[in-house]
PDB file of N, CA and C in Angstrom:
ATOM      1  N   MET A   1     -25.638 -17.996  -5.324  1.00  0.00           N
ATOM      2  CA  MET A   1     -25.304 -16.770  -6.021  1.00  0.00           C
ATOM      3  C   MET A   1     -23.882 -16.305  -5.684  1.00  0.00           C
ATOM      4  N   TRP A   2     -23.533 -16.362  -4.388  1.00  0.00           N
ATOM      5  CA  TRP A   2     -22.211 -15.892  -3.982  1.00  0.00           C
ATOM      6  C   TRP A   2     -21.115 -16.660  -4.705  1.00  0.00           C
ATOM      7  N   GLY A   3     -21.326 -17.973  -4.894  1.00  0.00           N
ATOM      8  CA  GLY A   3     -20.344 -18.776  -5.601  1.00  0.00           C
ATOM      9  C   GLY A   3     -20.127 -18.305  -7.022  1.00  0.00           C
ATOM     10  N   SER A   4     -21.203 -17.930  -7.709  1.00  0.00           N
ATOM     11  CA  SER A   4     -21.048 -17.449  -9.090  1.00  0.00           C
ATOM     12  C   SER A   4     -20.359 -16.094  -9.124  1.00  0.00           C
ATOM     13  N   VAL A   5     -20.596 -15.269  -8.119  1.00  0.00           N
ATOM     14  CA  VAL A   5     -19.912 -13.972  -8.042  1.00  0.00           C
ATOM     15  C   VAL A   5     -18.421 -14.184  -7.829  1.00  0.00           C
ATOM     16  N   CYS A   6     -18.071 -15.092  -6.911  1.00  0.00           N
ATOM     17  CA  CYS A   6     -16.657 -15.372  -6.657  1.00  0.00           C
ATOM     18  C   CYS A   6     -15.990 -15.939  -7.905  1.00  0.00           C
ATOM     19  N   HIS A   7     -16.673 -16.845  -8.596  1.00  0.00           N
ATOM     20  CA  HIS A   7     -16.116 -17.414  -9.819  1.00  0.00           C
ATOM     21  C   HIS A   7     -15.867 -16.314 -10.856  1.00  0.00           C
ATOM     22  N   HIS A   8     -16.810 -15.393 -11.000  1.00  0.00           N
ATOM     23  CA  HIS A   8     -16.648 -14.294 -11.956  1.00  0.00           C
ATOM     24  C   HIS A   8     -15.438 -13.431 -11.591  1.00  0.00           C
ATOM     25  N   VAL A   9     -15.305 -13.102 -10.317  1.00  0.00           N
ATOM     26  CA  VAL A   9     -14.185 -12.274  -9.866  1.00  0.00           C
ATOM     27  C   VAL A   9     -12.864 -12.994 -10.126  1.00  0.00           C
ATOM     28  N   GLU A  10     -12.797 -14.289  -9.806  1.00  0.00           N
ATOM     29  CA  GLU A  10     -11.569 -15.049 -10.056  1.00  0.00           C
ATOM     30  C   GLU A  10     -11.239 -15.103 -11.539  1.00  0.00           C
ATOM     31  N   ARG A  11     -12.259 -15.288 -12.378  1.00  0.00           N
ATOM     32  CA  ARG A  11     -12.040 -15.356 -13.823  1.00  0.00           C
ATOM     33  C   ARG A  11     -11.508 -14.020 -14.337  1.00  0.00           C
ATOM     34  N   GLU A  12     -12.090 -12.913 -13.873  1.00  0.00           N
ATOM     35  CA  GLU A  12     -11.634 -11.590 -14.309  1.00  0.00           C
ATOM     36  C   GLU A  12     -10.230 -11.297 -13.811  1.00  0.00           C
ATOM     37  N   ALA A  13      -9.917 -11.692 -12.597  1.00  0.00           N
ATOM     38  CA  ALA A  13      -8.567 -11.477 -12.063  1.00  0.00           C
ATOM     39  C   ALA A  13      -7.554 -12.290 -12.854  1.00  0.00           C
ATOM     40  N   SER A  14      -7.919 -13.512 -13.194  1.00  0.00           N
ATOM     41  CA  SER A  14      -7.019 -14.343 -13.995  1.00  0.00           C
ATOM     42  C   SER A  14      -6.807 -13.732 -15.375  1.00  0.00           C
ATOM     43  N   ARG A  15      -7.858 -13.198 -15.969  1.00  0.00           N
ATOM     44  CA  ARG A  15      -7.739 -12.528 -17.270  1.00  0.00           C
ATOM     45  C   ARG A  15      -6.823 -11.313 -17.152  1.00  0.00           C
ATOM     46  N   PHE A  16      -6.937 -10.578 -16.056  1.00  0.00           N
ATOM     47  CA  PHE A  16      -6.101  -9.397 -15.840  1.00  0.00           C
ATOM     48  C   PHE A  16      -4.627  -9.783 -15.766  1.00  0.00           C
ATOM     49  N   ILE A  17      -4.310 -10.842 -14.995  1.00  0.00           N
ATOM     50  CA  ILE A  17      -2.907 -11.219 -14.857  1.00  0.00           C
ATOM     51  C   ILE A  17      -2.356 -11.707 -16.189  1.00  0.00           C
ATOM     52  N   ARG A  18      -3.176 -12.404 -16.990  1.00  0.00           N
ATOM     53  CA  ARG A  18      -2.710 -12.844 -18.313  1.00  0.00           C
ATOM     54  C   ARG A  18      -2.364 -11.640 -19.171  1.00  0.00           C
ATOM     55  N   SER A  19      -3.222 -10.633 -19.163  1.00  0.00           N
ATOM     56  CA  SER A  19      -2.993  -9.423 -19.955  1.00  0.00           C
ATOM     57  C   SER A  19      -1.755  -8.676 -19.455  1.00  0.00           C
ATOM     58  N   THR A  20      -1.621  -8.572 -18.150  1.00  0.00           N
ATOM     59  CA  THR A  20      -0.491  -7.855 -17.561  1.00  0.00           C
ATOM     60  C   THR A  20       0.831  -8.542 -17.896  1.00  0.00           C
ATOM     61  N   LEU A  21       0.871  -9.868 -17.754  1.00  0.00           N
ATOM     62  CA  LEU A  21       2.091 -10.606 -18.092  1.00  0.00           C
ATOM     63  C   LEU A  21       2.425 -10.441 -19.563  1.00  0.00           C
ATOM     64  N   HIS A  22       1.430 -10.563 -20.407  1.00  0.00           N
ATOM     65  CA  HIS A  22       1.645 -10.412 -21.848  1.00  0.00           C
ATOM     66  C   HIS A  22       2.231  -9.037 -22.142  1.00  0.00           C
ATOM     67  N   ASP A  23       1.651  -7.993 -21.565  1.00  0.00           N
ATOM     68  CA  ASP A  23       2.150  -6.632 -21.783  1.00  0.00           C
ATOM     69  C   ASP A  23       3.581  -6.484 -21.284  1.00  0.00           C
ATOM     70  N   GLY A  24       3.872  -7.022 -20.100  1.00  0.00           N
ATOM     71  CA  GLY A  24       5.225  -6.937 -19.558  1.00  0.00           C
ATOM     72  C   GLY A  24       6.240  -7.617 -20.457  1.00  0.00           C
ATOM     73  N   ILE A  25       5.896  -8.800 -20.943  1.00  0.00           N
ATOM     74  CA  ILE A  25       6.804  -9.536 -21.827  1.00  0.00           C
ATOM     75  C   ILE A  25       7.013  -8.774 -23.131  1.00  0.00           C
ATOM     76  N   GLU A  26       5.946  -8.242 -23.685  1.00  0.00           N
ATOM     77  CA  GLU A  26       6.068  -7.479 -24.934  1.00  0.00           C
ATOM     78  C   GLU A  26       6.919  -6.223 -24.740  1.00  0.00           C
ATOM     79  N   LEU A  27       6.740  -5.529 -23.631  1.00  0.00           N
ATOM     80  CA  LEU A  27       7.556  -4.342 -23.357  1.00  0.00           C
ATOM     81  C   LEU A  27       9.031  -4.725 -23.219  1.00  0.00           C
ATOM     82  N   GLU A  28       9.306  -5.814 -22.507  1.00  0.00           N
ATOM     83  CA  GLU A  28      10.690  -6.280 -22.366  1.00  0.00           C
ATOM     84  C   GLU A  28      11.298  -6.594 -23.727  1.00  0.00           C
ATOM     85  N   ARG A  29      10.532  -7.230 -24.592  1.00  0.00           N
ATOM     86  CA  ARG A  29      11.037  -7.563 -25.928  1.00  0.00           C
ATOM     87  C   ARG A  29      11.366  -6.305 -26.731  1.00  0.00           C
ATOM     88  N   ARG A  30      10.715  -5.211 -26.398  1.00  0.00           N
ATOM     89  CA  ARG A  30      10.959  -3.938 -27.083  1.00  0.00           C
ATOM     90  C   ARG A  30      12.001  -3.093 -26.367  1.00  0.00           C
ATOM     91  N   GLY A  31      12.641  -3.674 -25.363  1.00  0.00           N
ATOM     92  CA  GLY A  31      13.729  -2.988 -24.676  1.00  0.00           C
ATOM     93  C   GLY A  31      13.317  -2.124 -23.507  1.00  0.00           C
ATOM     94  N   VAL A  32      12.083  -2.251 -23.052  1.00  0.00           N
ATOM     95  CA  VAL A  32      11.609  -1.461 -21.918  1.00  0.00           C
ATOM     96  C   VAL A  32      11.637  -2.338 -20.666  1.00  0.00           C
ATOM     97  N   PRO A  33      12.549  -2.054 -19.727  1.00  0.00           N
ATOM     98  CA  PRO A  33      12.572  -2.840 -18.494  1.00  0.00           C
ATOM     99  C   PRO A  33      11.218  -2.739 -17.779  1.00  0.00           C
ATOM    100  N   THR A  34      10.702  -3.881 -17.365  1.00  0.00           N
ATOM    101  CA  THR A  34       9.356  -3.941 -16.800  1.00  0.00           C
ATOM    102  C   THR A  34       9.339  -4.879 -15.604  1.00  0.00           C
ATOM    103  N   ALA A  35       8.597  -4.504 -14.576  1.00  0.00           N
ATOM    104  CA  ALA A  35       8.393  -5.374 -13.422  1.00  0.00           C
ATOM    105  C   ALA A  35       6.887  -5.574 -13.254  1.00  0.00           C
ATOM    106  N   VAL A  36       6.425  -6.770 -13.547  1.00  0.00           N
ATOM    107  CA  VAL A  36       5.018  -7.109 -13.386  1.00  0.00           C
ATOM    108  C   VAL A  36       4.811  -7.583 -11.952  1.00  0.00           C
ATOM    109  N   ILE A  37       3.726  -7.147 -11.342  1.00  0.00           N
ATOM    110  CA  ILE A  37       3.413  -7.514  -9.964  1.00  0.00           C
ATOM    111  C   ILE A  37       2.115  -8.309  -9.959  1.00  0.00           C
ATOM    112  N   CYS A  38       2.127  -9.450  -9.271  1.00  0.00           N
ATOM    113  CA  CYS A  38       0.894 -10.217  -9.104  1.00  0.00           C
ATOM    114  C   CYS A  38       0.818 -10.725  -7.671  1.00  0.00           C
ATOM    115  N   THR A  39      -0.370 -11.123  -7.267  1.00  0.00           N
ATOM    116  CA  THR A  39      -0.526 -11.662  -5.918  1.00  0.00           C
ATOM    117  C   THR A  39      -0.245 -13.161  -5.925  1.00  0.00           C
ATOM    118  N   ASP A  40       0.069 -13.679  -4.746  1.00  0.00           N
ATOM    119  CA  ASP A  40       0.429 -15.092  -4.641  1.00  0.00           C
ATOM    120  C   ASP A  40      -0.701 -16.026  -5.070  1.00  0.00           C
ATOM    121  N   GLU A  41      -1.915 -15.554  -5.090  1.00  0.00           N
ATOM    122  CA  GLU A  41      -3.056 -16.343  -5.547  1.00  0.00           C
ATOM    123  C   GLU A  41      -2.948 -16.694  -7.030  1.00  0.00           C
ATOM    124  N   PHE A  42      -2.216 -15.880  -7.796  1.00  0.00           N
ATOM    125  CA  PHE A  42      -2.180 -16.032  -9.242  1.00  0.00           C
ATOM    126  C   PHE A  42      -0.800 -16.426  -9.789  1.00  0.00           C
ATOM    127  N   ILE A  43       0.046 -16.987  -8.942  1.00  0.00           N
ATOM    128  CA  ILE A  43       1.373 -17.407  -9.397  1.00  0.00           C
ATOM    129  C   ILE A  43       1.271 -18.430 -10.525  1.00  0.00           C
ATOM    130  N   ALA A  44       0.426 -19.423 -10.365  1.00  0.00           N
ATOM    131  CA  ALA A  44       0.297 -20.465 -11.395  1.00  0.00           C
ATOM    132  C   ALA A  44      -0.176 -19.865 -12.712  1.00  0.00           C
ATOM    133  N   SER A  45      -1.136 -18.948 -12.658  1.00  0.00           N
ATOM    134  CA  SER A  45      -1.624 -18.287 -13.880  1.00  0.00           C
ATOM    135  C   SER A  45      -0.527 -17.460 -14.525  1.00  0.00           C
ATOM    136  N   ALA A  46       0.260 -16.771 -13.702  1.00  0.00           N
ATOM    137  CA  ALA A  46       1.346 -15.936 -14.237  1.00  0.00           C
ATOM    138  C   ALA A  46       2.405 -16.799 -14.912  1.00  0.00           C
ATOM    139  N   ARG A  47       2.778 -17.907 -14.276  1.00  0.00           N
ATOM    140  CA  ARG A  47       3.778 -18.799 -14.876  1.00  0.00           C
ATOM    141  C   ARG A  47       3.265 -19.405 -16.178  1.00  0.00           C
ATOM    142  N   ALA A  48       1.995 -19.797 -16.177  1.00  0.00           N
ATOM    143  CA  ALA A  48       1.413 -20.383 -17.394  1.00  0.00           C
ATOM    144  C   ALA A  48       1.399 -19.363 -18.524  1.00  0.00           C
ATOM    145  N   GLN A  49       1.007 -18.135 -18.223  1.00  0.00           N
ATOM    146  CA  GLN A  49       0.953 -17.104 -19.256  1.00  0.00           C
ATOM    147  C   GLN A  49       2.345 -16.785 -19.774  1.00  0.00           C
ATOM    148  N   ALA A  50       3.326 -16.735 -18.899  1.00  0.00           N
ATOM    149  CA  ALA A  50       4.702 -16.481 -19.344  1.00  0.00           C
ATOM    150  C   ALA A  50       5.153 -17.577 -20.302  1.00  0.00           C
ATOM    151  N   ALA A  51       4.834 -18.825 -19.983  1.00  0.00           N
ATOM    152  CA  ALA A  51       5.209 -19.940 -20.859  1.00  0.00           C
ATOM    153  C   ALA A  51       4.492 -19.837 -22.197  1.00  0.00           C
ATOM    154  N   ILE A  52       3.214 -19.512 -22.171  1.00  0.00           N
ATOM    155  CA  ILE A  52       2.435 -19.360 -23.407  1.00  0.00           C
ATOM    156  C   ILE A  52       3.039 -18.272 -24.287  1.00  0.00           C
ATOM    157  N   CYS A  53       3.536 -17.214 -23.656  1.00  0.00           N
ATOM    158  CA  CYS A  53       4.135 -16.100 -24.400  1.00  0.00           C
ATOM    159  C   CYS A  53       5.573 -16.383 -24.827  1.00  0.00           C
ATOM    160  N   GLY A  54       6.071 -17.581 -24.538  1.00  0.00           N
ATOM    161  CA  GLY A  54       7.419 -17.940 -24.963  1.00  0.00           C
ATOM    162  C   GLY A  54       8.517 -17.499 -24.018  1.00  0.00           C
ATOM    163  N   SER A  55       8.152 -17.115 -22.795  1.00  0.00           N
ATOM    164  CA  SER A  55       9.140 -16.683 -21.803  1.00  0.00           C
ATOM    165  C   SER A  55       8.894 -17.415 -20.483  1.00  0.00           C
ATOM    166  N   PRO A  56       9.129 -18.724 -20.466  1.00  0.00           N
ATOM    167  CA  PRO A  56       8.769 -19.506 -19.278  1.00  0.00           C
ATOM    168  C   PRO A  56       9.479 -19.077 -17.989  1.00  0.00           C
ATOM    169  N   GLY A  57      10.624 -18.469 -18.082  1.00  0.00           N
ATOM    170  CA  GLY A  57      11.334 -18.033 -16.893  1.00  0.00           C
ATOM    171  C   GLY A  57      11.127 -16.565 -16.561  1.00  0.00           C
ATOM    172  N   TYR A  58      10.125 -15.942 -17.188  1.00  0.00           N
ATOM    173  CA  TYR A  58       9.914 -14.503 -16.998  1.00  0.00           C
ATOM    174  C   TYR A  58       9.714 -14.186 -15.509  1.00  0.00           C
ATOM    175  N   PRO A  59      10.529 -13.289 -14.960  1.00  0.00           N
ATOM    176  CA  PRO A  59      10.407 -12.967 -13.532  1.00  0.00           C
ATOM    177  C   PRO A  59       9.283 -11.975 -13.278  1.00  0.00           C
ATOM    178  N   PHE A  60       8.591 -12.174 -12.181  1.00  0.00           N
ATOM    179  CA  PHE A  60       7.555 -11.223 -11.776  1.00  0.00           C
ATOM    180  C   PHE A  60       7.577 -11.099 -10.258  1.00  0.00           C
ATOM    181  N   VAL A  61       7.082  -9.993  -9.782  1.00  0.00           N
ATOM    182  CA  VAL A  61       7.039  -9.703  -8.356  1.00  0.00           C
ATOM    183  C   VAL A  61       5.788 -10.351  -7.769  1.00  0.00           C
ATOM    184  N   VAL A  62       5.926 -10.933  -6.599  1.00  0.00           N
ATOM    185  CA  VAL A  62       4.786 -11.561  -5.937  1.00  0.00           C
ATOM    186  C   VAL A  62       4.521 -10.850  -4.610  1.00  0.00           C
ATOM    187  N   VAL A  63       3.271 -10.452  -4.419  1.00  0.00           N
ATOM    188  CA  VAL A  63       2.836  -9.874  -3.151  1.00  0.00           C
ATOM    189  C   VAL A  63       1.703 -10.734  -2.604  1.00  0.00           C
ATOM    190  N   ALA A  64       1.449 -10.602  -1.318  1.00  0.00           N
ATOM    191  CA  ALA A  64       0.393 -11.388  -0.679  1.00  0.00           C
ATOM    192  C   ALA A  64      -0.987 -10.989  -1.203  1.00  0.00           C
ATOM    193  N   HIS A  65      -1.842 -11.973  -1.306  1.00  0.00           N
ATOM    194  CA  HIS A  65      -3.238 -11.785  -1.731  1.00  0.00           C
ATOM    195  C   HIS A  65      -4.089 -11.684  -0.480  1.00  0.00           C
ATOM    196  N   PRO A  66      -5.117 -10.910  -0.446  1.00  0.00           N
ATOM    197  CA  PRO A  66      -5.637 -10.026  -1.497  1.00  0.00           C
ATOM    198  C   PRO A  66      -5.082  -8.619  -1.353  1.00  0.00           C
ATOM    199  N   ILE A  67      -5.317  -7.807  -2.356  1.00  0.00           N
ATOM    200  CA  ILE A  67      -4.955  -6.392  -2.245  1.00  0.00           C
ATOM    201  C   ILE A  67      -6.171  -5.489  -2.390  1.00  0.00           C
ATOM    202  N   GLY A  68      -7.230  -5.990  -3.003  1.00  0.00           N
ATOM    203  CA  GLY A  68      -8.414  -5.169  -3.271  1.00  0.00           C
ATOM    204  C   GLY A  68      -9.133  -4.679  -2.036  1.00  0.00           C
ATOM    205  N   SER A  69      -9.000  -5.385  -0.923  1.00  0.00           N
ATOM    206  CA  SER A  69      -9.724  -5.003   0.289  1.00  0.00           C
ATOM    207  C   SER A  69      -8.853  -4.250   1.290  1.00  0.00           C
ATOM    208  N   LEU A  70      -7.628  -3.923   0.901  1.00  0.00           N
ATOM    209  CA  LEU A  70      -6.720  -3.241   1.831  1.00  0.00           C
ATOM    210  C   LEU A  70      -7.041  -1.756   1.954  1.00  0.00           C
ATOM    211  N   THR A  71      -6.705  -1.216   3.106  1.00  0.00           N
ATOM    212  CA  THR A  71      -6.796   0.234   3.287  1.00  0.00           C
ATOM    213  C   THR A  71      -5.624   0.864   2.538  1.00  0.00           C
ATOM    214  N   PRO A  72      -5.670   2.163   2.282  1.00  0.00           N
ATOM    215  CA  PRO A  72      -4.521   2.805   1.627  1.00  0.00           C
ATOM    216  C   PRO A  72      -3.207   2.579   2.381  1.00  0.00           C
ATOM    217  N   ALA A  73      -3.240   2.629   3.704  1.00  0.00           N
ATOM    218  CA  ALA A  73      -2.015   2.414   4.481  1.00  0.00           C
ATOM    219  C   ALA A  73      -1.512   0.980   4.317  1.00  0.00           C
ATOM    220  N   GLU A  74      -2.421   0.012   4.334  1.00  0.00           N
ATOM    221  CA  GLU A  74      -2.022  -1.385   4.151  1.00  0.00           C
ATOM    222  C   GLU A  74      -1.475  -1.618   2.749  1.00  0.00           C
ATOM    223  N   LEU A  75      -2.080  -0.987   1.776  1.00  0.00           N
ATOM    224  CA  LEU A  75      -1.605  -1.138   0.400  1.00  0.00           C
ATOM    225  C   LEU A  75      -0.218  -0.535   0.228  1.00  0.00           C
ATOM    226  N   ARG A  76       0.018   0.629   0.855  1.00  0.00           N
ATOM    227  CA  ARG A  76       1.360   1.232   0.813  1.00  0.00           C
ATOM    228  C   ARG A  76       2.396   0.286   1.417  1.00  0.00           C
ATOM    229  N   GLU A  77       2.042  -0.341   2.533  1.00  0.00           N
ATOM    230  CA  GLU A  77       2.970  -1.279   3.171  1.00  0.00           C
ATOM    231  C   GLU A  77       3.221  -2.481   2.268  1.00  0.00           C
ATOM    232  N   ARG A  78       2.192  -2.991   1.633  1.00  0.00           N
ATOM    233  CA  ARG A  78       2.347  -4.114   0.703  1.00  0.00           C
ATOM    234  C   ARG A  78       3.261  -3.703  -0.453  1.00  0.00           C
ATOM    235  N   ALA A  79       3.069  -2.496  -0.967  1.00  0.00           N
ATOM    236  CA  ALA A  79       3.919  -1.998  -2.055  1.00  0.00           C
ATOM    237  C   ALA A  79       5.361  -1.844  -1.581  1.00  0.00           C
ATOM    238  N   ARG A  80       5.528  -1.350  -0.369  1.00  0.00           N
ATOM    239  CA  ARG A  80       6.875  -1.167   0.188  1.00  0.00           C
ATOM    240  C   ARG A  80       7.619  -2.509   0.263  1.00  0.00           C
ATOM    241  N   THR A  81       6.906  -3.569   0.586  1.00  0.00           N
ATOM    242  CA  THR A  81       7.562  -4.878   0.665  1.00  0.00           C
ATOM    243  C   THR A  81       7.935  -5.409  -0.720  1.00  0.00           C
ATOM    244  N   ALA A  82       7.275  -4.913  -1.765  1.00  0.00           N
ATOM    245  CA  ALA A  82       7.557  -5.363  -3.132  1.00  0.00           C
ATOM    246  C   ALA A  82       8.739  -4.632  -3.760  1.00  0.00           C
ATOM    247  N   VAL A  83       9.108  -3.488  -3.222  1.00  0.00           N
ATOM    248  CA  VAL A  83      10.147  -2.654  -3.831  1.00  0.00           C
ATOM    249  C   VAL A  83      11.457  -3.412  -4.079  1.00  0.00           C
ATOM    250  N   PRO A  84      11.984  -4.181  -3.120  1.00  0.00           N
ATOM    251  CA  PRO A  84      13.235  -4.895  -3.405  1.00  0.00           C
ATOM    252  C   PRO A  84      13.125  -5.837  -4.608  1.00  0.00           C
ATOM    253  N   GLN A  85      11.994  -6.525  -4.741  1.00  0.00           N
ATOM    254  CA  GLN A  85      11.802  -7.414  -5.889  1.00  0.00           C
ATOM    255  C   GLN A  85      11.749  -6.614  -7.193  1.00  0.00           C
ATOM    256  N   VAL A  86      11.056  -5.484  -7.163  1.00  0.00           N
ATOM    257  CA  VAL A  86      10.954  -4.634  -8.355  1.00  0.00           C
ATOM    258  C   VAL A  86      12.333  -4.160  -8.774  1.00  0.00           C
ATOM    259  N   ILE A  87      13.117  -3.679  -7.817  1.00  0.00           N
ATOM    260  CA  ILE A  87      14.470  -3.194  -8.115  1.00  0.00           C
ATOM    261  C   ILE A  87      15.325  -4.314  -8.693  1.00  0.00           C
ATOM    262  N   GLU A  88      15.241  -5.498  -8.091  1.00  0.00           N
ATOM    263  CA  GLU A  88      16.031  -6.631  -8.590  1.00  0.00           C
ATOM    264  C   GLU A  88      15.676  -6.947 -10.042  1.00  0.00           C
ATOM    265  N   ILE A  89      14.392  -7.008 -10.347  1.00  0.00           N
ATOM    266  CA  ILE A  89      13.971  -7.325 -11.709  1.00  0.00           C
ATOM    267  C   ILE A  89      14.399  -6.230 -12.684  1.00  0.00           C
ATOM    268  N   LEU A  90      14.194  -4.982 -12.332  1.00  0.00           N
ATOM    269  CA  LEU A  90      14.535  -3.873 -13.246  1.00  0.00           C
ATOM    270  C   LEU A  90      16.034  -3.744 -13.445  1.00  0.00           C
ATOM    271  N   THR A  91      16.808  -3.942 -12.404  1.00  0.00           N
ATOM    272  CA  THR A  91      18.257  -3.795 -12.569  1.00  0.00           C
ATOM    273  C   THR A  91      18.850  -5.011 -13.271  1.00  0.00           C
ATOM    274  N   ARG A  92      18.264  -6.165 -13.098  1.00  0.00           N
ATOM    275  CA  ARG A  92      18.719  -7.349 -13.841  1.00  0.00           C
ATOM    276  C   ARG A  92      18.451  -7.146 -15.328  1.00  0.00           C
ATOM    277  N   ALA A  93      17.291  -6.587 -15.651  1.00  0.00           N
ATOM    278  CA  ALA A  93      16.943  -6.327 -17.051  1.00  0.00           C
ATOM    279  C   ALA A  93      17.887  -5.287 -17.643  1.00  0.00           C
ATOM    280  N   ALA A  94      18.249  -4.277 -16.866  1.00  0.00           N
ATOM    281  CA  ALA A  94      19.109  -3.209 -17.367  1.00  0.00           C
ATOM    282  C   ALA A  94      20.531  -3.704 -17.611  1.00  0.00           C
ATOM    283  N   SER A  95      20.970  -4.712 -16.825  1.00  0.00           N
ATOM    284  CA  SER A  95      22.344  -5.200 -16.982  1.00  0.00           C
ATOM    285  C   SER A  95      22.465  -6.309 -18.018  1.00  0.00           C
ATOM    286  N   SER A  96      21.342  -6.755 -18.570  1.00  0.00           N
ATOM    287  CA  SER A  96      21.367  -7.837 -19.574  1.00  0.00           C
ATOM    288  C   SER A  96      21.804  -7.339 -20.920  1.00  0.00           C
TER     289      SER A  96
END
């Protein structure tokens, strides 16, 4: 049973990252600078989705997996480590 639960969670997380990447790419195409964040567990899914959406080099922020089990303080620290990547992506988009 646990295996099927884990498979379901992984499938839903993969679906989420596909949707998030798609939304980020669409917003960028409409002129809205966007920084999509995903965990290192889903890098391959994020790259595949970017390619499917016609933006194979689409940049995204990567943070360590997992995040769902973190305490609020741990999550804040994880977010703090992502800030430089977010700034780089947003300012690169603004200067393009």
